[in-house]
Amino acid sequence: MIENELKNSGFRFDGANDPILSAMSAPAGPAGGIVNSAIERYYTNEIQMSTAQIEIVAAAICSRGPNCNLLVFGLGNDSPLWAEINAEGHTLFVEDALDWIAKVKTKHAHLNVEHIKYPTSVSKSLSDPVSTIQAAAHIPAVLTERHWDVIIVDGPMGWGAQYPGRAFPIAWASQIGSNSTHVFVDDYERDLESKYADLIFGTRRKTRSVVVNRPATPRLNASSMLWLIGESDGLKTGG
């Protein structure tokens, strides 16, 4: 199913040569068992990613395991799932809403969460990208303490002009990640996410990325997720 999703998005599938794509189509091994167990334990209808999107992110995490460094902007209903899949690695969640952190931590006290406020808004970021990107040059120290293998940008809230939006997380992801880092930008169909991801990631967006769609459901509108594919150490393609 994932292979078809990628082909339909225009990605040239070569599972024989790319470890992450191969992992998606290979028979389930130890990593597959971990993912299946985590999904059975934590997947609910409150998670807004499609099953294909979840499997792709999970495969990226496993491809950098067992000591994957996973950074997730946004604390959500899927957070326990990511933490469980990356149980042998280091997972950090970044969230700006203190009340939401307290609520989630009452149920999942083990989650590693850092509170960070964003000094911007969707409307400001869209109207003045130059100033916003300049302001994002100051990166919180907790984000620079290690190399990140996988970064998920799924927060803060950005569906209204008054909300912080994801300009800072996208800019930070480009600075603290490397060409080997898998970066996922959820809600890529929105103006801010697409504008900043395309602008900041430049050539990589054009040569080593894929958009994975989430069909509309009775509860959710259609959405999309941009996957900026990390380049495995053994496969330096120059892309």
C-alpha atoms as a PDB file:
ATOM      1  CA  MET A   1       0.000   0.000   0.000  1.00  0.00           C
ATOM      2  CA  ILE A   2       2.781   2.445   0.903  1.00  0.00           C
ATOM      3  CA  GLU A   3       4.642   1.644  -2.300  1.00  0.00           C
ATOM      4  CA  ASN A   4       1.527   2.629  -4.284  1.00  0.00           C
ATOM      5  CA  GLU A   5       1.149   5.827  -2.260  1.00  0.00           C
ATOM      6  CA  LEU A   6       4.696   6.835  -3.174  1.00  0.00           C
ATOM      7  CA  LYS A   7       4.325   5.923  -6.825  1.00  0.00           C
ATOM      8  CA  ASN A   8       1.095   7.904  -7.065  1.00  0.00           C
ATOM      9  CA  SER A   9       2.939  10.890  -5.602  1.00  0.00           C
ATOM     10  CA  GLY A  10       5.579  10.710  -8.321  1.00  0.00           C
ATOM     11  CA  PHE A  11       8.318   9.048  -6.267  1.00  0.00           C
ATOM     12  CA  ARG A  12      10.567   6.605  -8.138  1.00  0.00           C
ATOM     13  CA  PHE A  13      10.507   3.529  -5.925  1.00  0.00           C
ATOM     14  CA  ASP A  14      13.718   1.523  -5.730  1.00  0.00           C
ATOM     15  CA  GLY A  15      13.328  -0.700  -2.697  1.00  0.00           C
ATOM     16  CA  ALA A  16      16.386  -2.763  -3.600  1.00  0.00           C
ATOM     17  CA  ASN A  17      18.734   0.182  -3.098  1.00  0.00           C
ATOM     18  CA  ASP A  18      17.164   2.413  -0.458  1.00  0.00           C
ATOM     19  CA  PRO A  19      16.981   0.963   3.066  1.00  0.00           C
ATOM     20  CA  ILE A  20      13.940   2.936   4.185  1.00  0.00           C
ATOM     21  CA  LEU A  21      11.875   2.066   1.124  1.00  0.00           C
ATOM     22  CA  SER A  22      13.008  -1.529   1.358  1.00  0.00           C
ATOM     23  CA  ALA A  23      11.893  -1.623   4.993  1.00  0.00           C
ATOM     24  CA  MET A  24       8.416  -0.621   3.939  1.00  0.00           C
ATOM     25  CA  SER A  25       7.975  -3.554   1.595  1.00  0.00           C
ATOM     26  CA  ALA A  26      10.047  -6.214   3.389  1.00  0.00           C
ATOM     27  CA  PRO A  27       8.508  -8.944   5.580  1.00  0.00           C
ATOM     28  CA  ALA A  28       8.003  -7.823   9.144  1.00  0.00           C
ATOM     29  CA  GLY A  29      11.060  -8.326  11.354  1.00  0.00           C
ATOM     30  CA  PRO A  30      11.834  -7.101  14.876  1.00  0.00           C
ATOM     31  CA  ALA A  31      11.197  -3.480  13.871  1.00  0.00           C
ATOM     32  CA  GLY A  32       7.904  -4.455  12.266  1.00  0.00           C
ATOM     33  CA  GLY A  33       6.874  -6.165  15.467  1.00  0.00           C
ATOM     34  CA  ILE A  34       7.638  -3.047  17.499  1.00  0.00           C
ATOM     35  CA  VAL A  35       5.608  -0.874  15.136  1.00  0.00           C
ATOM     36  CA  ASN A  36       2.647  -3.253  15.092  1.00  0.00           C
ATOM     37  CA  SER A  37       2.683  -3.513  18.873  1.00  0.00           C
ATOM     38  CA  ALA A  38       2.800   0.276  19.258  1.00  0.00           C
ATOM     39  CA  ILE A  39      -0.050   0.765  16.791  1.00  0.00           C
ATOM     40  CA  GLU A  40      -2.186  -1.845  18.544  1.00  0.00           C
ATOM     41  CA  ARG A  41      -1.564  -0.177  21.885  1.00  0.00           C
ATOM     42  CA  TYR A  42      -1.827   3.511  20.991  1.00  0.00           C
ATOM     43  CA  TYR A  43      -3.578   4.016  17.654  1.00  0.00           C
ATOM     44  CA  THR A  44      -7.015   5.654  17.949  1.00  0.00           C
ATOM     45  CA  ASN A  45      -9.386   7.522  15.649  1.00  0.00           C
ATOM     46  CA  GLU A  46      -8.241  10.733  17.338  1.00  0.00           C
ATOM     47  CA  ILE A  47      -4.914  10.505  15.503  1.00  0.00           C
ATOM     48  CA  GLN A  48      -5.190  12.673  12.402  1.00  0.00           C
ATOM     49  CA  MET A  49      -2.552  11.024  10.207  1.00  0.00           C
ATOM     50  CA  SER A  50      -3.644   8.360   7.755  1.00  0.00           C
ATOM     51  CA  THR A  51      -2.449   4.806   8.252  1.00  0.00           C
ATOM     52  CA  ALA A  52      -0.100   5.177   5.254  1.00  0.00           C
ATOM     53  CA  GLN A  53       1.401   8.334   6.756  1.00  0.00           C
ATOM     54  CA  ILE A  54       1.882   6.631  10.109  1.00  0.00           C
ATOM     55  CA  GLU A  55       3.632   3.664   8.507  1.00  0.00           C
ATOM     56  CA  ILE A  56       5.949   5.916   6.503  1.00  0.00           C
ATOM     57  CA  VAL A  57       6.985   7.914   9.577  1.00  0.00           C
ATOM     58  CA  ALA A  58       7.401   4.686  11.548  1.00  0.00           C
ATOM     59  CA  ALA A  59       9.616   3.231   8.802  1.00  0.00           C
ATOM     60  CA  ALA A  60      11.779   6.361   8.862  1.00  0.00           C
ATOM     61  CA  ILE A  61      12.219   6.065  12.641  1.00  0.00           C
ATOM     62  CA  CYS A  62      13.099   2.376  12.382  1.00  0.00           C
ATOM     63  CA  SER A  63      15.553   3.055   9.556  1.00  0.00           C
ATOM     64  CA  ARG A  64      17.574   5.194  11.971  1.00  0.00           C
ATOM     65  CA  GLY A  65      17.228   2.790  14.893  1.00  0.00           C
ATOM     66  CA  PRO A  66      17.826   1.397  17.353  1.00  0.00           C
ATOM     67  CA  ASN A  67      19.286   4.651  18.697  1.00  0.00           C
ATOM     68  CA  CYS A  68      17.195   7.114  16.707  1.00  0.00           C
ATOM     69  CA  ASN A  69      17.045  10.738  17.854  1.00  0.00           C
ATOM     70  CA  LEU A  70      13.457  11.814  17.185  1.00  0.00           C
ATOM     71  CA  LEU A  71      12.235  15.405  17.523  1.00  0.00           C
ATOM     72  CA  VAL A  72       8.509  16.133  17.320  1.00  0.00           C
ATOM     73  CA  PHE A  73       7.103  19.654  17.180  1.00  0.00           C
ATOM     74  CA  GLY A  74       3.621  19.328  18.638  1.00  0.00           C
ATOM     75  CA  LEU A  75       2.285  17.185  21.464  1.00  0.00           C
ATOM     76  CA  GLY A  76      -0.714  15.200  20.255  1.00  0.00           C
ATOM     77  CA  ASN A  77      -2.776  12.070  20.460  1.00  0.00           C
ATOM     78  CA  ASP A  78      -0.094  10.290  18.443  1.00  0.00           C
ATOM     79  CA  SER A  79       2.760  11.191  20.823  1.00  0.00           C
ATOM     80  CA  PRO A  80       2.672   7.928  22.845  1.00  0.00           C
ATOM     81  CA  LEU A  81       2.785   6.042  19.540  1.00  0.00           C
ATOM     82  CA  TRP A  82       6.003   7.741  18.383  1.00  0.00           C
ATOM     83  CA  ALA A  83       7.604   7.352  21.805  1.00  0.00           C
ATOM     84  CA  GLU A  84       6.790   3.648  21.846  1.00  0.00           C
ATOM     85  CA  ILE A  85       8.115   3.032  18.330  1.00  0.00           C
ATOM     86  CA  ASN A  86      11.333   4.828  19.304  1.00  0.00           C
ATOM     87  CA  ALA A  87      11.553   3.268  22.768  1.00  0.00           C
ATOM     88  CA  GLU A  88      15.242   2.398  22.320  1.00  0.00           C
ATOM     89  CA  GLY A  89      16.113   5.886  21.097  1.00  0.00           C
ATOM     90  CA  HIS A  90      15.680   9.458  22.356  1.00  0.00           C
ATOM     91  CA  THR A  91      12.377  11.239  21.695  1.00  0.00           C
ATOM     92  CA  LEU A  92      11.684  14.896  22.494  1.00  0.00           C
ATOM     93  CA  PHE A  93       8.322  16.617  22.050  1.00  0.00           C
ATOM     94  CA  VAL A  94       8.115  20.419  21.781  1.00  0.00           C
ATOM     95  CA  GLU A  95       4.840  22.076  22.780  1.00  0.00           C
ATOM     96  CA  ASP A  96       3.828  25.695  23.358  1.00  0.00           C
ATOM     97  CA  ALA A  97       0.596  25.196  25.346  1.00  0.00           C
ATOM     98  CA  LEU A  98       1.270  24.577  29.040  1.00  0.00           C
ATOM     99  CA  ASP A  99      -2.309  23.492  29.780  1.00  0.00           C
ATOM    100  CA  TRP A 100      -2.150  20.876  27.021  1.00  0.00           C
ATOM    101  CA  ILE A 101       1.207  19.590  28.295  1.00  0.00           C
ATOM    102  CA  ALA A 102      -0.306  19.142  31.754  1.00  0.00           C
ATOM    103  CA  LYS A 103      -3.330  17.320  30.343  1.00  0.00           C
ATOM    104  CA  VAL A 104      -1.310  14.903  28.231  1.00  0.00           C
ATOM    105  CA  LYS A 105       1.231  14.262  30.982  1.00  0.00           C
ATOM    106  CA  THR A 106      -1.515  13.185  33.378  1.00  0.00           C
ATOM    107  CA  LYS A 107      -2.090  10.185  31.094  1.00  0.00           C
ATOM    108  CA  HIS A 108       1.426   9.733  29.703  1.00  0.00           C
ATOM    109  CA  ALA A 109       3.852  10.932  32.362  1.00  0.00           C
ATOM    110  CA  HIS A 110       6.796   9.227  30.646  1.00  0.00           C
ATOM    111  CA  LEU A 111       6.768  11.548  27.624  1.00  0.00           C
ATOM    112  CA  ASN A 112       9.759  13.878  27.341  1.00  0.00           C
ATOM    113  CA  VAL A 113       8.266  17.318  26.673  1.00  0.00           C
ATOM    114  CA  GLU A 114       9.907  20.733  26.352  1.00  0.00           C
ATOM    115  CA  HIS A 115       7.830  23.917  26.578  1.00  0.00           C
ATOM    116  CA  ILE A 116       8.778  26.496  23.931  1.00  0.00           C
ATOM    117  CA  LYS A 117       6.843  29.633  23.001  1.00  0.00           C
ATOM    118  CA  TYR A 118       6.829  30.990  19.434  1.00  0.00           C
ATOM    119  CA  PRO A 119       7.168  34.778  18.966  1.00  0.00           C
ATOM    120  CA  THR A 120       5.136  34.958  15.774  1.00  0.00           C
ATOM    121  CA  SER A 121       1.762  34.179  14.204  1.00  0.00           C
ATOM    122  CA  VAL A 122       0.500  32.716  10.956  1.00  0.00           C
ATOM    123  CA  SER A 123      -0.462  36.134   9.609  1.00  0.00           C
ATOM    124  CA  LYS A 124       2.879  37.702  10.556  1.00  0.00           C
ATOM    125  CA  SER A 125       4.900  34.814   9.132  1.00  0.00           C
ATOM    126  CA  LEU A 126       3.018  34.921   5.837  1.00  0.00           C
ATOM    127  CA  SER A 127       3.303  38.692   5.477  1.00  0.00           C
ATOM    128  CA  ASP A 128       6.971  39.004   6.480  1.00  0.00           C
ATOM    129  CA  PRO A 129       8.931  35.791   5.847  1.00  0.00           C
ATOM    130  CA  VAL A 130      12.304  37.562   5.796  1.00  0.00           C
ATOM    131  CA  SER A 131      11.952  38.890   9.356  1.00  0.00           C
ATOM    132  CA  THR A 132      10.485  35.607  10.551  1.00  0.00           C
ATOM    133  CA  ILE A 133      13.370  33.534   9.179  1.00  0.00           C
ATOM    134  CA  GLN A 134      15.879  36.002  10.633  1.00  0.00           C
ATOM    135  CA  ALA A 135      14.201  35.704  14.044  1.00  0.00           C
ATOM    136  CA  ALA A 136      14.339  31.909  13.780  1.00  0.00           C
ATOM    137  CA  ALA A 137      18.149  32.098  13.631  1.00  0.00           C
ATOM    138  CA  HIS A 138      18.003  31.986  17.453  1.00  0.00           C
ATOM    139  CA  ILE A 139      17.503  28.307  18.217  1.00  0.00           C
ATOM    140  CA  PRO A 140      16.606  27.064  21.718  1.00  0.00           C
ATOM    141  CA  ALA A 141      19.594  25.241  23.203  1.00  0.00           C
ATOM    142  CA  VAL A 142      17.630  22.052  23.865  1.00  0.00           C
ATOM    143  CA  LEU A 143      17.227  21.605  20.098  1.00  0.00           C
ATOM    144  CA  THR A 144      20.955  21.821  19.374  1.00  0.00           C
ATOM    145  CA  GLU A 145      22.210  19.345  21.970  1.00  0.00           C
ATOM    146  CA  ARG A 146      22.170  16.343  19.613  1.00  0.00           C
ATOM    147  CA  HIS A 147      21.930  15.323  15.974  1.00  0.00           C
ATOM    148  CA  TRP A 148      18.320  14.616  14.975  1.00  0.00           C
ATOM    149  CA  ASP A 149      17.658  11.605  12.767  1.00  0.00           C
ATOM    150  CA  VAL A 150      13.932  12.251  12.283  1.00  0.00           C
ATOM    151  CA  ILE A 151      12.010  15.512  12.766  1.00  0.00           C
ATOM    152  CA  ILE A 152       8.212  15.720  12.654  1.00  0.00           C
ATOM    153  CA  VAL A 153       6.687  19.194  12.299  1.00  0.00           C
ATOM    154  CA  ASP A 154       3.104  18.754  13.482  1.00  0.00           C
ATOM    155  CA  GLY A 155       2.723  21.779  15.721  1.00  0.00           C
ATOM    156  CA  PRO A 156       2.074  24.353  16.998  1.00  0.00           C
ATOM    157  CA  MET A 157      -1.455  25.170  15.901  1.00  0.00           C
ATOM    158  CA  GLY A 158      -1.638  26.950  12.570  1.00  0.00           C
ATOM    159  CA  TRP A 159      -5.161  26.719  11.154  1.00  0.00           C
ATOM    160  CA  GLY A 160      -6.027  30.306  12.079  1.00  0.00           C
ATOM    161  CA  ALA A 161      -4.237  33.610  11.393  1.00  0.00           C
ATOM    162  CA  GLN A 162      -3.860  34.323  15.127  1.00  0.00           C
ATOM    163  CA  TYR A 163      -2.139  31.029  15.984  1.00  0.00           C
ATOM    164  CA  PRO A 164       1.675  30.693  16.149  1.00  0.00           C
ATOM    165  CA  GLY A 165       1.978  28.552  13.020  1.00  0.00           C
ATOM    166  CA  ARG A 166       4.918  26.386  12.029  1.00  0.00           C
ATOM    167  CA  ALA A 167       7.331  28.828  10.431  1.00  0.00           C
ATOM    168  CA  PHE A 168       9.805  28.556  13.316  1.00  0.00           C
ATOM    169  CA  PRO A 169       9.750  24.733  13.542  1.00  0.00           C
ATOM    170  CA  ILE A 170      10.276  24.420   9.784  1.00  0.00           C
ATOM    171  CA  ALA A 171      13.163  26.900   9.872  1.00  0.00           C
ATOM    172  CA  TRP A 172      14.687  25.206  12.904  1.00  0.00           C
ATOM    173  CA  ALA A 173      14.356  21.772  11.287  1.00  0.00           C
ATOM    174  CA  SER A 174      16.467  22.964   8.355  1.00  0.00           C
ATOM    175  CA  GLN A 175      19.161  24.287  10.694  1.00  0.00           C
ATOM    176  CA  ILE A 176      19.418  21.478  13.235  1.00  0.00           C
ATOM    177  CA  GLY A 177      18.900  18.658  10.742  1.00  0.00           C
ATOM    178  CA  SER A 178      21.219  17.466   7.995  1.00  0.00           C
ATOM    179  CA  ASN A 179      20.820  15.811   4.603  1.00  0.00           C
ATOM    180  CA  SER A 180      20.512  12.497   6.438  1.00  0.00           C
ATOM    181  CA  THR A 181      17.595  13.719   8.576  1.00  0.00           C
ATOM    182  CA  HIS A 182      14.085  12.651   7.614  1.00  0.00           C
ATOM    183  CA  VAL A 183      11.825  15.697   7.990  1.00  0.00           C
ATOM    184  CA  PHE A 184       8.037  15.457   7.927  1.00  0.00           C
ATOM    185  CA  VAL A 185       5.860  18.575   7.587  1.00  0.00           C
ATOM    186  CA  ASP A 186       2.221  17.784   8.259  1.00  0.00           C
ATOM    187  CA  ASP A 187      -0.650  19.881   6.844  1.00  0.00           C
ATOM    188  CA  TYR A 188       1.506  20.735   3.855  1.00  0.00           C
ATOM    189  CA  GLU A 189      -1.593  21.793   1.881  1.00  0.00           C
ATOM    190  CA  ARG A 190      -1.819  24.956   3.999  1.00  0.00           C
ATOM    191  CA  ASP A 191      -0.280  28.204   2.776  1.00  0.00           C
ATOM    192  CA  LEU A 192       2.290  28.665   5.525  1.00  0.00           C
ATOM    193  CA  GLU A 193       3.557  25.087   5.613  1.00  0.00           C
ATOM    194  CA  SER A 194       3.979  24.849   1.841  1.00  0.00           C
ATOM    195  CA  LYS A 195       5.491  28.320   1.494  1.00  0.00           C
ATOM    196  CA  TYR A 196       8.117  27.869   4.200  1.00  0.00           C
ATOM    197  CA  ALA A 197       8.993  24.257   3.394  1.00  0.00           C
ATOM    198  CA  ASP A 198       9.471  25.064  -0.300  1.00  0.00           C
ATOM    199  CA  LEU A 199      11.453  28.220   0.461  1.00  0.00           C
ATOM    200  CA  ILE A 200      13.694  26.904   3.225  1.00  0.00           C
ATOM    201  CA  PHE A 201      14.444  23.415   1.924  1.00  0.00           C
ATOM    202  CA  GLY A 202      14.962  24.569  -1.674  1.00  0.00           C
ATOM    203  CA  THR A 203      16.709  21.973  -3.839  1.00  0.00           C
ATOM    204  CA  ARG A 204      16.003  19.146  -1.439  1.00  0.00           C
ATOM    205  CA  ARG A 205      12.281  19.816  -1.790  1.00  0.00           C
ATOM    206  CA  LYS A 206      12.581  19.370  -5.563  1.00  0.00           C
ATOM    207  CA  THR A 207      14.907  16.383  -5.718  1.00  0.00           C
ATOM    208  CA  ARG A 208      14.362  14.233  -2.628  1.00  0.00           C
ATOM    209  CA  SER A 209      10.843  14.604  -1.293  1.00  0.00           C
ATOM    210  CA  VAL A 210       7.340  13.230  -1.675  1.00  0.00           C
ATOM    211  CA  VAL A 211       3.888  14.429  -0.662  1.00  0.00           C
ATOM    212  CA  VAL A 212       1.699  11.783   0.972  1.00  0.00           C
ATOM    213  CA  ASN A 213      -2.002  12.603   0.931  1.00  0.00           C
ATOM    214  CA  ARG A 214      -4.591  11.835   3.574  1.00  0.00           C
ATOM    215  CA  PRO A 215      -8.055  11.387   2.058  1.00  0.00           C
ATOM    216  CA  ALA A 216     -11.008  13.178   3.616  1.00  0.00           C
ATOM    217  CA  THR A 217     -12.988  11.302   6.244  1.00  0.00           C
ATOM    218  CA  PRO A 218     -16.372  11.998   7.836  1.00  0.00           C
ATOM    219  CA  ARG A 219     -14.472  13.696  10.671  1.00  0.00           C
ATOM    220  CA  LEU A 220     -11.510  15.299   8.896  1.00  0.00           C
ATOM    221  CA  ASN A 221     -10.847  17.290   5.746  1.00  0.00           C
ATOM    222  CA  ALA A 222      -8.325  16.001   3.227  1.00  0.00           C
ATOM    223  CA  SER A 223      -4.747  16.842   4.127  1.00  0.00           C
ATOM    224  CA  SER A 224      -1.183  16.141   3.037  1.00  0.00           C
ATOM    225  CA  MET A 225       2.219  15.544   4.576  1.00  0.00           C
ATOM    226  CA  LEU A 226       5.539  16.513   3.020  1.00  0.00           C
ATOM    227  CA  TRP A 227       8.319  13.992   3.517  1.00  0.00           C
ATOM    228  CA  LEU A 228      11.805  15.404   2.980  1.00  0.00           C
ATOM    229  CA  ILE A 229      13.689  12.142   2.664  1.00  0.00           C
ATOM    230  CA  GLY A 230      16.922  11.725   4.575  1.00  0.00           C
ATOM    231  CA  GLU A 231      19.919  10.455   2.673  1.00  0.00           C
ATOM    232  CA  SER A 232      21.271   7.268   4.248  1.00  0.00           C
ATOM    233  CA  ASP A 233      24.987   7.346   5.043  1.00  0.00           C
ATOM    234  CA  GLY A 234      25.712   4.463   2.684  1.00  0.00           C
ATOM    235  CA  LEU A 235      23.832   6.062  -0.209  1.00  0.00           C
ATOM    236  CA  LYS A 236      25.313   9.463  -0.917  1.00  0.00           C
ATOM    237  CA  THR A 237      23.461  10.376  -4.094  1.00  0.00           C
ATOM    238  CA  GLY A 238      24.060  14.098  -3.982  1.00  0.00           C
ATOM    239  CA  GLY A 239      20.285  14.690  -4.105  1.00  0.00           C
END
